[in-house]
């Protein structure tokens, strides 16, 4: 499809570190497929440098959207004029859109991570009303809490190293009516085989030690111990992670973090292009090709 007429608009992904991000490849592929003239780049920002950047983009013409990753998902909130949808309920932002309000620029925060997790797990065939667990208690764990509630989980166990850092996840659970238990991270290896779905929100290699413990537990239970239970590991580099390898070797299904990234990016593209009617099928294959993921039609 040929690009539309008019000046190129701007979008970016913000975070630190940001060099590994696949978001530029995903978004650029989608905009090419749609014929949208939107440039998209990665910008390395910390919590300390974010306010100055946001003050500048408020004054610059042409911005249509920002993707927000760690460690900025809560730090972004004071820079915005309003929150909507899951961002308002969870107080975690991964997407920013721009609109003119009279003579002023108005910035709105959204959360597409919830949709990303829900759609990735549905595509993987998660069982109804799953027994669920979450590894980690940070910003992505907040989205995982909401996603598991959307999938009908009656409750969830959250395994954390530091309970004091999981307050936002606990608050999110109360907001969506999901019963949760905070459990010590060292208990995870013994507890995970009893669950139907697990979402690991840990950073790359953050679950390597757990993978070794889990492999030992599962070896004693046999090669089909997990009976198709699903693991979504949001860390996608390297892939498969050690945790995913241990899970798959005992009969579990693994969902790459790229799946979540693709599905949440689809929702961002809808917002940045102001095309809410856009169907995922219109852009998802080019996005998959851009990051080496299997096409959805295969």
C-alpha atoms as a PDB file:
ATOM      1  CA  UNK A   1       0.000   0.000   0.000  1.00  0.00           C
ATOM      2  CA  UNK A   2       1.381   3.423  -0.907  1.00  0.00           C
ATOM      3  CA  UNK A   3       2.033   5.895   1.915  1.00  0.00           C
ATOM      4  CA  UNK A   4      -0.668   8.475   2.533  1.00  0.00           C
ATOM      5  CA  UNK A   5      -0.038  12.096   1.611  1.00  0.00           C
ATOM      6  CA  UNK A   6       1.004  14.689   4.159  1.00  0.00           C
ATOM      7  CA  UNK A   7       3.925  15.167   6.531  1.00  0.00           C
ATOM      8  CA  UNK A   8       5.325  12.243   8.440  1.00  0.00           C
ATOM      9  CA  UNK A   9       4.116  11.952  12.016  1.00  0.00           C
ATOM     10  CA  UNK A  10       6.289  10.757  14.884  1.00  0.00           C
ATOM     11  CA  UNK A  11       6.116   7.995  17.473  1.00  0.00           C
ATOM     12  CA  UNK A  12       8.690   6.312  19.717  1.00  0.00           C
ATOM     13  CA  UNK A  13       9.291   3.717  22.403  1.00  0.00           C
ATOM     14  CA  UNK A  14      10.768   5.050  25.658  1.00  0.00           C
ATOM     15  CA  UNK A  15      12.687   3.100  28.293  1.00  0.00           C
ATOM     16  CA  UNK A  16      16.066   2.104  29.701  1.00  0.00           C
ATOM     17  CA  UNK A  17      17.849   0.130  28.442  1.00  0.00           C
ATOM     18  CA  UNK A  18      16.106   0.289  25.096  1.00  0.00           C
ATOM     19  CA  UNK A  19      18.562  -1.044  22.522  1.00  0.00           C
ATOM     20  CA  UNK A  20      17.034  -4.531  22.601  1.00  0.00           C
ATOM     21  CA  UNK A  21      13.480  -3.347  21.906  1.00  0.00           C
ATOM     22  CA  UNK A  22      11.583  -5.010  19.054  1.00  0.00           C
ATOM     23  CA  UNK A  23       8.908  -2.300  19.074  1.00  0.00           C
ATOM     24  CA  UNK A  24      10.478  -0.226  16.260  1.00  0.00           C
ATOM     25  CA  UNK A  25      10.453  -3.230  13.920  1.00  0.00           C
ATOM     26  CA  UNK A  26       6.839  -4.086  14.820  1.00  0.00           C
ATOM     27  CA  UNK A  27       5.473  -0.582  14.432  1.00  0.00           C
ATOM     28  CA  UNK A  28       7.353   0.255  11.251  1.00  0.00           C
ATOM     29  CA  UNK A  29       6.082  -2.945   9.624  1.00  0.00           C
ATOM     30  CA  UNK A  30       2.505  -2.119  10.605  1.00  0.00           C
ATOM     31  CA  UNK A  31       2.686   1.435   9.286  1.00  0.00           C
ATOM     32  CA  UNK A  32       4.181   0.281   5.996  1.00  0.00           C
ATOM     33  CA  UNK A  33       1.349  -2.238   5.590  1.00  0.00           C
ATOM     34  CA  UNK A  34      -1.227   0.441   6.333  1.00  0.00           C
ATOM     35  CA  UNK A  35       0.370   3.137   4.199  1.00  0.00           C
ATOM     36  CA  UNK A  36       0.696   5.394   7.238  1.00  0.00           C
ATOM     37  CA  UNK A  37       3.482   7.994   7.253  1.00  0.00           C
ATOM     38  CA  UNK A  38       4.580   7.487  10.851  1.00  0.00           C
ATOM     39  CA  UNK A  39       8.232   7.338  11.842  1.00  0.00           C
ATOM     40  CA  UNK A  40       9.021   5.297  14.922  1.00  0.00           C
ATOM     41  CA  UNK A  41      12.271   5.220  16.918  1.00  0.00           C
ATOM     42  CA  UNK A  42      13.665   4.063  20.273  1.00  0.00           C
ATOM     43  CA  UNK A  43      14.614   6.685  22.873  1.00  0.00           C
ATOM     44  CA  UNK A  44      16.712   5.742  25.905  1.00  0.00           C
ATOM     45  CA  UNK A  45      15.277   7.547  28.943  1.00  0.00           C
ATOM     46  CA  UNK A  46      15.478   7.047  32.694  1.00  0.00           C
ATOM     47  CA  UNK A  47      13.024   8.240  35.318  1.00  0.00           C
ATOM     48  CA  UNK A  48      15.293  11.249  35.829  1.00  0.00           C
ATOM     49  CA  UNK A  49      15.452  12.274  32.161  1.00  0.00           C
ATOM     50  CA  UNK A  50      11.798  11.573  31.329  1.00  0.00           C
ATOM     51  CA  UNK A  51      10.280  14.920  32.505  1.00  0.00           C
ATOM     52  CA  UNK A  52      12.514  17.042  30.282  1.00  0.00           C
ATOM     53  CA  UNK A  53      11.759  14.848  27.257  1.00  0.00           C
ATOM     54  CA  UNK A  54       8.011  15.005  27.880  1.00  0.00           C
ATOM     55  CA  UNK A  55       8.119  18.795  28.296  1.00  0.00           C
ATOM     56  CA  UNK A  56       9.770  18.996  24.889  1.00  0.00           C
ATOM     57  CA  UNK A  57       7.381  16.685  23.042  1.00  0.00           C
ATOM     58  CA  UNK A  58       4.402  18.663  24.361  1.00  0.00           C
ATOM     59  CA  UNK A  59       5.717  21.579  22.324  1.00  0.00           C
ATOM     60  CA  UNK A  60       6.756  19.669  19.194  1.00  0.00           C
ATOM     61  CA  UNK A  61       4.369  19.162  16.310  1.00  0.00           C
ATOM     62  CA  UNK A  62       3.719  15.799  14.693  1.00  0.00           C
ATOM     63  CA  UNK A  63       3.763  13.415  17.640  1.00  0.00           C
ATOM     64  CA  UNK A  64       0.982  10.800  17.552  1.00  0.00           C
ATOM     65  CA  UNK A  65       2.089   8.257  20.156  1.00  0.00           C
ATOM     66  CA  UNK A  66       4.602   6.898  22.616  1.00  0.00           C
ATOM     67  CA  UNK A  67       5.174   3.330  23.732  1.00  0.00           C
ATOM     68  CA  UNK A  68       6.414   3.110  27.323  1.00  0.00           C
ATOM     69  CA  UNK A  69       8.485   0.313  28.788  1.00  0.00           C
ATOM     70  CA  UNK A  70      10.475  -0.248  31.964  1.00  0.00           C
ATOM     71  CA  UNK A  71      11.312   1.612  34.141  1.00  0.00           C
ATOM     72  CA  UNK A  72       8.840   4.315  33.065  1.00  0.00           C
ATOM     73  CA  UNK A  73       5.402   2.702  33.322  1.00  0.00           C
ATOM     74  CA  UNK A  74       4.477   4.512  36.530  1.00  0.00           C
ATOM     75  CA  UNK A  75       6.956   7.397  36.214  1.00  0.00           C
ATOM     76  CA  UNK A  76       5.048   8.504  33.091  1.00  0.00           C
ATOM     77  CA  UNK A  77       1.803   9.170  34.981  1.00  0.00           C
ATOM     78  CA  UNK A  78       2.674  12.656  36.358  1.00  0.00           C
ATOM     79  CA  UNK A  79       3.523  13.748  32.799  1.00  0.00           C
ATOM     80  CA  UNK A  80       0.002  13.067  31.503  1.00  0.00           C
ATOM     81  CA  UNK A  81      -3.286  14.937  31.509  1.00  0.00           C
ATOM     82  CA  UNK A  82      -5.523  11.890  31.920  1.00  0.00           C
ATOM     83  CA  UNK A  83      -5.594   8.108  32.129  1.00  0.00           C
ATOM     84  CA  UNK A  84      -8.156   5.910  30.436  1.00  0.00           C
ATOM     85  CA  UNK A  85      -9.294   2.284  30.487  1.00  0.00           C
ATOM     86  CA  UNK A  86      -6.927  -0.149  32.164  1.00  0.00           C
ATOM     87  CA  UNK A  87      -4.364   2.594  32.766  1.00  0.00           C
ATOM     88  CA  UNK A  88      -6.870   4.457  34.953  1.00  0.00           C
ATOM     89  CA  UNK A  89      -7.804   1.320  36.878  1.00  0.00           C
ATOM     90  CA  UNK A  90      -4.302  -0.053  37.323  1.00  0.00           C
ATOM     91  CA  UNK A  91      -2.215   3.156  37.454  1.00  0.00           C
ATOM     92  CA  UNK A  92       0.304   1.649  35.012  1.00  0.00           C
ATOM     93  CA  UNK A  93       0.871   3.155  31.559  1.00  0.00           C
ATOM     94  CA  UNK A  94       2.520   1.633  28.500  1.00  0.00           C
ATOM     95  CA  UNK A  95       1.011   3.893  25.815  1.00  0.00           C
ATOM     96  CA  UNK A  96       0.572   7.649  25.373  1.00  0.00           C
ATOM     97  CA  UNK A  97      -1.533   9.405  22.742  1.00  0.00           C
ATOM     98  CA  UNK A  98      -1.647  13.082  21.744  1.00  0.00           C
ATOM     99  CA  UNK A  99      -4.669  15.258  20.977  1.00  0.00           C
ATOM    100  CA  UNK A 100      -5.323  18.959  20.574  1.00  0.00           C
ATOM    101  CA  UNK A 101      -7.598  20.485  23.226  1.00  0.00           C
ATOM    102  CA  UNK A 102      -8.177  23.999  21.984  1.00  0.00           C
ATOM    103  CA  UNK A 103      -4.737  25.535  21.765  1.00  0.00           C
ATOM    104  CA  UNK A 104      -3.125  23.010  24.118  1.00  0.00           C
ATOM    105  CA  UNK A 105      -1.732  19.529  23.553  1.00  0.00           C
ATOM    106  CA  UNK A 106      -3.476  16.893  25.674  1.00  0.00           C
ATOM    107  CA  UNK A 107      -1.669  13.657  26.577  1.00  0.00           C
ATOM    108  CA  UNK A 108      -3.601  10.512  27.516  1.00  0.00           C
ATOM    109  CA  UNK A 109      -2.208   7.356  29.081  1.00  0.00           C
ATOM    110  CA  UNK A 110      -3.412   3.875  28.101  1.00  0.00           C
ATOM    111  CA  UNK A 111      -2.472   0.306  28.977  1.00  0.00           C
ATOM    112  CA  UNK A 112      -2.372  -2.204  26.115  1.00  0.00           C
ATOM    113  CA  UNK A 113      -0.314  -4.769  28.056  1.00  0.00           C
ATOM    114  CA  UNK A 114      -3.503  -6.301  29.455  1.00  0.00           C
ATOM    115  CA  UNK A 115      -4.874  -6.946  25.965  1.00  0.00           C
ATOM    116  CA  UNK A 116      -1.462  -8.244  24.920  1.00  0.00           C
ATOM    117  CA  UNK A 117      -1.401 -10.870  27.664  1.00  0.00           C
ATOM    118  CA  UNK A 118      -5.056 -11.850  27.227  1.00  0.00           C
ATOM    119  CA  UNK A 119      -4.776 -12.314  23.463  1.00  0.00           C
ATOM    120  CA  UNK A 120      -1.450 -14.166  23.659  1.00  0.00           C
ATOM    121  CA  UNK A 121      -2.847 -16.636  26.192  1.00  0.00           C
ATOM    122  CA  UNK A 122      -6.129 -17.078  24.324  1.00  0.00           C
ATOM    123  CA  UNK A 123      -4.224 -17.745  21.119  1.00  0.00           C
ATOM    124  CA  UNK A 124      -2.244 -20.390  23.041  1.00  0.00           C
ATOM    125  CA  UNK A 125      -5.439 -22.133  24.165  1.00  0.00           C
ATOM    126  CA  UNK A 126      -5.462 -21.381  27.894  1.00  0.00           C
ATOM    127  CA  UNK A 127      -8.054 -23.422  29.735  1.00  0.00           C
ATOM    128  CA  UNK A 128     -11.207 -21.703  31.082  1.00  0.00           C
ATOM    129  CA  UNK A 129     -11.032 -20.542  34.716  1.00  0.00           C
ATOM    130  CA  UNK A 130      -7.368 -21.455  35.029  1.00  0.00           C
ATOM    131  CA  UNK A 131      -5.467 -21.981  38.246  1.00  0.00           C
ATOM    132  CA  UNK A 132      -2.993 -19.160  37.835  1.00  0.00           C
ATOM    133  CA  UNK A 133       0.330 -17.851  39.042  1.00  0.00           C
ATOM    134  CA  UNK A 134       2.545 -14.822  38.411  1.00  0.00           C
ATOM    135  CA  UNK A 135       6.298 -14.584  38.847  1.00  0.00           C
ATOM    136  CA  UNK A 136       7.352 -11.102  39.949  1.00  0.00           C
ATOM    137  CA  UNK A 137       5.387  -8.158  41.292  1.00  0.00           C
ATOM    138  CA  UNK A 138       6.324  -5.145  39.141  1.00  0.00           C
ATOM    139  CA  UNK A 139       4.486  -3.164  36.485  1.00  0.00           C
ATOM    140  CA  UNK A 140       3.941  -6.068  34.102  1.00  0.00           C
ATOM    141  CA  UNK A 141       2.639  -8.170  36.990  1.00  0.00           C
ATOM    142  CA  UNK A 142      -0.057  -5.524  37.460  1.00  0.00           C
ATOM    143  CA  UNK A 143      -1.171  -6.064  33.853  1.00  0.00           C
ATOM    144  CA  UNK A 144      -0.965  -9.843  34.352  1.00  0.00           C
ATOM    145  CA  UNK A 145      -3.343  -9.609  37.322  1.00  0.00           C
ATOM    146  CA  UNK A 146      -5.920  -7.815  35.179  1.00  0.00           C
ATOM    147  CA  UNK A 147      -5.409 -10.218  32.268  1.00  0.00           C
ATOM    148  CA  UNK A 148      -5.902 -13.296  34.428  1.00  0.00           C
ATOM    149  CA  UNK A 149      -9.096 -11.770  35.762  1.00  0.00           C
ATOM    150  CA  UNK A 150     -10.274 -11.229  32.170  1.00  0.00           C
ATOM    151  CA  UNK A 151      -9.517 -14.895  31.450  1.00  0.00           C
ATOM    152  CA  UNK A 152     -11.751 -15.994  34.312  1.00  0.00           C
ATOM    153  CA  UNK A 153      -9.112 -17.081  36.805  1.00  0.00           C
ATOM    154  CA  UNK A 154     -10.768 -17.349  40.234  1.00  0.00           C
ATOM    155  CA  UNK A 155      -7.525 -16.480  42.033  1.00  0.00           C
ATOM    156  CA  UNK A 156      -3.789 -16.116  41.484  1.00  0.00           C
ATOM    157  CA  UNK A 157      -0.605 -16.752  43.423  1.00  0.00           C
ATOM    158  CA  UNK A 158       2.099 -14.084  43.051  1.00  0.00           C
ATOM    159  CA  UNK A 159       5.635 -15.267  43.774  1.00  0.00           C
ATOM    160  CA  UNK A 160       7.951 -12.429  44.788  1.00  0.00           C
ATOM    161  CA  UNK A 161      11.397 -11.962  46.274  1.00  0.00           C
ATOM    162  CA  UNK A 162      10.423  -8.698  47.978  1.00  0.00           C
ATOM    163  CA  UNK A 163       6.753  -8.397  49.033  1.00  0.00           C
ATOM    164  CA  UNK A 164       7.147  -4.667  49.642  1.00  0.00           C
ATOM    165  CA  UNK A 165       7.581  -4.134  45.891  1.00  0.00           C
ATOM    166  CA  UNK A 166       4.343  -5.928  44.980  1.00  0.00           C
ATOM    167  CA  UNK A 167       1.917  -3.394  46.457  1.00  0.00           C
ATOM    168  CA  UNK A 168       0.729  -2.218  43.027  1.00  0.00           C
ATOM    169  CA  UNK A 169      -0.064  -5.790  41.962  1.00  0.00           C
ATOM    170  CA  UNK A 170      -2.032  -6.378  45.160  1.00  0.00           C
ATOM    171  CA  UNK A 171      -3.924  -3.106  44.658  1.00  0.00           C
ATOM    172  CA  UNK A 172      -4.669  -4.093  41.066  1.00  0.00           C
ATOM    173  CA  UNK A 173      -6.077  -7.416  42.224  1.00  0.00           C
ATOM    174  CA  UNK A 174      -8.413  -5.611  44.621  1.00  0.00           C
ATOM    175  CA  UNK A 175      -9.488  -3.266  41.814  1.00  0.00           C
ATOM    176  CA  UNK A 176     -10.457  -6.133  39.493  1.00  0.00           C
ATOM    177  CA  UNK A 177     -11.815  -8.453  42.211  1.00  0.00           C
ATOM    178  CA  UNK A 178      -9.165 -11.166  41.858  1.00  0.00           C
ATOM    179  CA  UNK A 179      -8.154 -12.979  45.024  1.00  0.00           C
ATOM    180  CA  UNK A 180      -4.362 -13.161  45.292  1.00  0.00           C
ATOM    181  CA  UNK A 181      -1.753 -14.574  47.635  1.00  0.00           C
ATOM    182  CA  UNK A 182       1.765 -13.210  47.923  1.00  0.00           C
ATOM    183  CA  UNK A 183       4.118 -16.162  48.282  1.00  0.00           C
ATOM    184  CA  UNK A 184       7.901 -16.410  48.697  1.00  0.00           C
ATOM    185  CA  UNK A 185       9.762 -16.774  45.425  1.00  0.00           C
ATOM    186  CA  UNK A 186      11.658 -19.752  46.832  1.00  0.00           C
ATOM    187  CA  UNK A 187       8.349 -21.677  47.006  1.00  0.00           C
ATOM    188  CA  UNK A 188       7.663 -21.306  43.280  1.00  0.00           C
ATOM    189  CA  UNK A 189       9.418 -24.449  42.014  1.00  0.00           C
ATOM    190  CA  UNK A 190       7.233 -26.714  44.147  1.00  0.00           C
ATOM    191  CA  UNK A 191       4.023 -24.764  43.527  1.00  0.00           C
ATOM    192  CA  UNK A 192       4.081 -24.102  39.769  1.00  0.00           C
ATOM    193  CA  UNK A 193       3.363 -27.680  38.587  1.00  0.00           C
ATOM    194  CA  UNK A 194      -0.108 -27.462  40.154  1.00  0.00           C
ATOM    195  CA  UNK A 195      -1.125 -24.457  38.041  1.00  0.00           C
ATOM    196  CA  UNK A 196      -2.786 -24.215  34.621  1.00  0.00           C
ATOM    197  CA  UNK A 197      -1.201 -20.941  33.548  1.00  0.00           C
ATOM    198  CA  UNK A 198       1.841 -19.016  34.748  1.00  0.00           C
ATOM    199  CA  UNK A 199       2.939 -15.556  33.650  1.00  0.00           C
ATOM    200  CA  UNK A 200       6.592 -14.759  34.299  1.00  0.00           C
ATOM    201  CA  UNK A 201       7.105 -11.003  34.406  1.00  0.00           C
ATOM    202  CA  UNK A 202      10.775 -11.267  35.368  1.00  0.00           C
ATOM    203  CA  UNK A 203      13.527  -9.597  33.304  1.00  0.00           C
ATOM    204  CA  UNK A 204      15.729 -11.635  30.942  1.00  0.00           C
ATOM    205  CA  UNK A 205      17.531 -14.420  32.851  1.00  0.00           C
ATOM    206  CA  UNK A 206      15.670 -13.368  36.002  1.00  0.00           C
ATOM    207  CA  UNK A 207      14.187 -16.866  36.298  1.00  0.00           C
ATOM    208  CA  UNK A 208      17.332 -18.881  35.474  1.00  0.00           C
ATOM    209  CA  UNK A 209      17.861 -20.105  39.042  1.00  0.00           C
ATOM    210  CA  UNK A 210      14.175 -21.001  39.321  1.00  0.00           C
ATOM    211  CA  UNK A 211      14.440 -22.947  36.051  1.00  0.00           C
ATOM    212  CA  UNK A 212      17.062 -25.234  37.552  1.00  0.00           C
ATOM    213  CA  UNK A 213      14.967 -25.866  40.667  1.00  0.00           C
ATOM    214  CA  UNK A 214      11.819 -26.423  38.604  1.00  0.00           C
ATOM    215  CA  UNK A 215      13.583 -28.856  36.279  1.00  0.00           C
ATOM    216  CA  UNK A 216      14.569 -30.976  39.271  1.00  0.00           C
ATOM    217  CA  UNK A 217      11.028 -30.939  40.656  1.00  0.00           C
ATOM    218  CA  UNK A 218       9.509 -31.826  37.285  1.00  0.00           C
ATOM    219  CA  UNK A 219      12.023 -34.579  36.570  1.00  0.00           C
ATOM    220  CA  UNK A 220      10.728 -36.411  39.600  1.00  0.00           C
ATOM    221  CA  UNK A 221       7.155 -36.074  38.323  1.00  0.00           C
ATOM    222  CA  UNK A 222       7.784 -37.325  34.765  1.00  0.00           C
ATOM    223  CA  UNK A 223       7.865 -35.938  31.230  1.00  0.00           C
ATOM    224  CA  UNK A 224       4.135 -35.113  31.144  1.00  0.00           C
ATOM    225  CA  UNK A 225       3.925 -33.573  34.595  1.00  0.00           C
ATOM    226  CA  UNK A 226       2.563 -30.253  33.320  1.00  0.00           C
ATOM    227  CA  UNK A 227      -0.090 -31.787  31.033  1.00  0.00           C
ATOM    228  CA  UNK A 228      -0.313 -28.844  28.674  1.00  0.00           C
ATOM    229  CA  UNK A 229      -0.249 -26.066  31.282  1.00  0.00           C
ATOM    230  CA  UNK A 230       0.809 -22.754  29.716  1.00  0.00           C
ATOM    231  CA  UNK A 231       3.760 -20.530  30.590  1.00  0.00           C
ATOM    232  CA  UNK A 232       3.951 -17.000  29.183  1.00  0.00           C
ATOM    233  CA  UNK A 233       7.460 -15.656  29.712  1.00  0.00           C
ATOM    234  CA  UNK A 234       7.435 -11.949  28.868  1.00  0.00           C
ATOM    235  CA  UNK A 235      11.237 -11.918  28.548  1.00  0.00           C
ATOM    236  CA  UNK A 236      11.840 -12.753  24.894  1.00  0.00           C
ATOM    237  CA  UNK A 237      15.616 -12.439  24.574  1.00  0.00           C
ATOM    238  CA  UNK A 238      17.159 -14.960  24.768  1.00  0.00           C
ATOM    239  CA  UNK A 239      14.430 -17.351  23.650  1.00  0.00           C
ATOM    240  CA  UNK A 240      13.620 -19.937  24.676  1.00  0.00           C
ATOM    241  CA  UNK A 241      14.508 -18.906  28.205  1.00  0.00           C
ATOM    242  CA  UNK A 242      15.801 -21.535  30.594  1.00  0.00           C
ATOM    243  CA  UNK A 243      12.459 -21.429  32.378  1.00  0.00           C
ATOM    244  CA  UNK A 244      10.599 -22.034  29.103  1.00  0.00           C
ATOM    245  CA  UNK A 245      12.901 -24.957  28.270  1.00  0.00           C
ATOM    246  CA  UNK A 246      12.287 -26.612  31.641  1.00  0.00           C
ATOM    247  CA  UNK A 247       8.544 -26.065  31.242  1.00  0.00           C
ATOM    248  CA  UNK A 248       8.353 -27.499  27.744  1.00  0.00           C
ATOM    249  CA  UNK A 249      10.448 -30.559  28.590  1.00  0.00           C
ATOM    250  CA  UNK A 250       7.785 -31.653  31.071  1.00  0.00           C
ATOM    251  CA  UNK A 251       4.808 -31.381  28.738  1.00  0.00           C
ATOM    252  CA  UNK A 252       3.900 -27.740  29.234  1.00  0.00           C
ATOM    253  CA  UNK A 253       3.056 -25.253  26.498  1.00  0.00           C
ATOM    254  CA  UNK A 254       5.200 -22.145  26.211  1.00  0.00           C
ATOM    255  CA  UNK A 255       4.109 -18.727  24.974  1.00  0.00           C
ATOM    256  CA  UNK A 256       6.964 -16.419  23.911  1.00  0.00           C
ATOM    257  CA  UNK A 257       7.027 -12.885  25.207  1.00  0.00           C
ATOM    258  CA  UNK A 258       7.026 -11.803  21.565  1.00  0.00           C
ATOM    259  CA  UNK A 259       3.410 -12.979  21.373  1.00  0.00           C
ATOM    260  CA  UNK A 260       2.417 -10.530  24.083  1.00  0.00           C
ATOM    261  CA  UNK A 261       4.538  -7.794  22.502  1.00  0.00           C
ATOM    262  CA  UNK A 262       2.872  -8.254  19.113  1.00  0.00           C
ATOM    263  CA  UNK A 263      -0.667  -8.236  20.456  1.00  0.00           C
ATOM    264  CA  UNK A 264      -0.139  -5.169  22.643  1.00  0.00           C
ATOM    265  CA  UNK A 265       1.511  -3.393  19.707  1.00  0.00           C
ATOM    266  CA  UNK A 266      -1.565  -4.066  17.564  1.00  0.00           C
ATOM    267  CA  UNK A 267      -3.610  -2.088  20.101  1.00  0.00           C
ATOM    268  CA  UNK A 268      -1.035   0.710  20.078  1.00  0.00           C
ATOM    269  CA  UNK A 269      -1.153   0.929  16.294  1.00  0.00           C
ATOM    270  CA  UNK A 270      -4.920   1.377  16.467  1.00  0.00           C
ATOM    271  CA  UNK A 271      -4.426   4.259  18.909  1.00  0.00           C
ATOM    272  CA  UNK A 272      -1.528   5.953  17.092  1.00  0.00           C
ATOM    273  CA  UNK A 273      -3.327   5.848  13.729  1.00  0.00           C
ATOM    274  CA  UNK A 274      -6.713   6.770  15.244  1.00  0.00           C
ATOM    275  CA  UNK A 275      -8.191   3.727  13.510  1.00  0.00           C
ATOM    276  CA  UNK A 276     -10.066   1.855  16.262  1.00  0.00           C
ATOM    277  CA  UNK A 277     -11.858  -0.265  13.672  1.00  0.00           C
ATOM    278  CA  UNK A 278      -8.571  -1.709  12.443  1.00  0.00           C
ATOM    279  CA  UNK A 279      -8.539  -5.518  12.451  1.00  0.00           C
ATOM    280  CA  UNK A 280      -5.487  -7.332  13.800  1.00  0.00           C
ATOM    281  CA  UNK A 281      -5.510  -9.464  10.641  1.00  0.00           C
ATOM    282  CA  UNK A 282      -4.692  -6.356   8.585  1.00  0.00           C
ATOM    283  CA  UNK A 283      -1.256  -5.942  10.162  1.00  0.00           C
ATOM    284  CA  UNK A 284      -0.300  -8.925  12.274  1.00  0.00           C
ATOM    285  CA  UNK A 285       1.434 -10.989   9.574  1.00  0.00           C
ATOM    286  CA  UNK A 286       3.810  -8.172   8.546  1.00  0.00           C
ATOM    287  CA  UNK A 287       4.514  -7.548  12.237  1.00  0.00           C
ATOM    288  CA  UNK A 288       5.288 -11.228  12.795  1.00  0.00           C
ATOM    289  CA  UNK A 289       7.598 -11.240   9.771  1.00  0.00           C
ATOM    290  CA  UNK A 290       9.445  -8.202  11.128  1.00  0.00           C
ATOM    291  CA  UNK A 291      10.504 -10.002  14.317  1.00  0.00           C
ATOM    292  CA  UNK A 292      10.759 -13.560  13.023  1.00  0.00           C
ATOM    293  CA  UNK A 293       7.595 -14.850  14.688  1.00  0.00           C
ATOM    294  CA  UNK A 294       5.315 -17.417  13.006  1.00  0.00           C
ATOM    295  CA  UNK A 295       2.525 -15.924  10.959  1.00  0.00           C
ATOM    296  CA  UNK A 296      -0.913 -16.323  12.496  1.00  0.00           C
ATOM    297  CA  UNK A 297      -2.252 -18.020   9.385  1.00  0.00           C
ATOM    298  CA  UNK A 298       0.246 -20.879   9.631  1.00  0.00           C
END
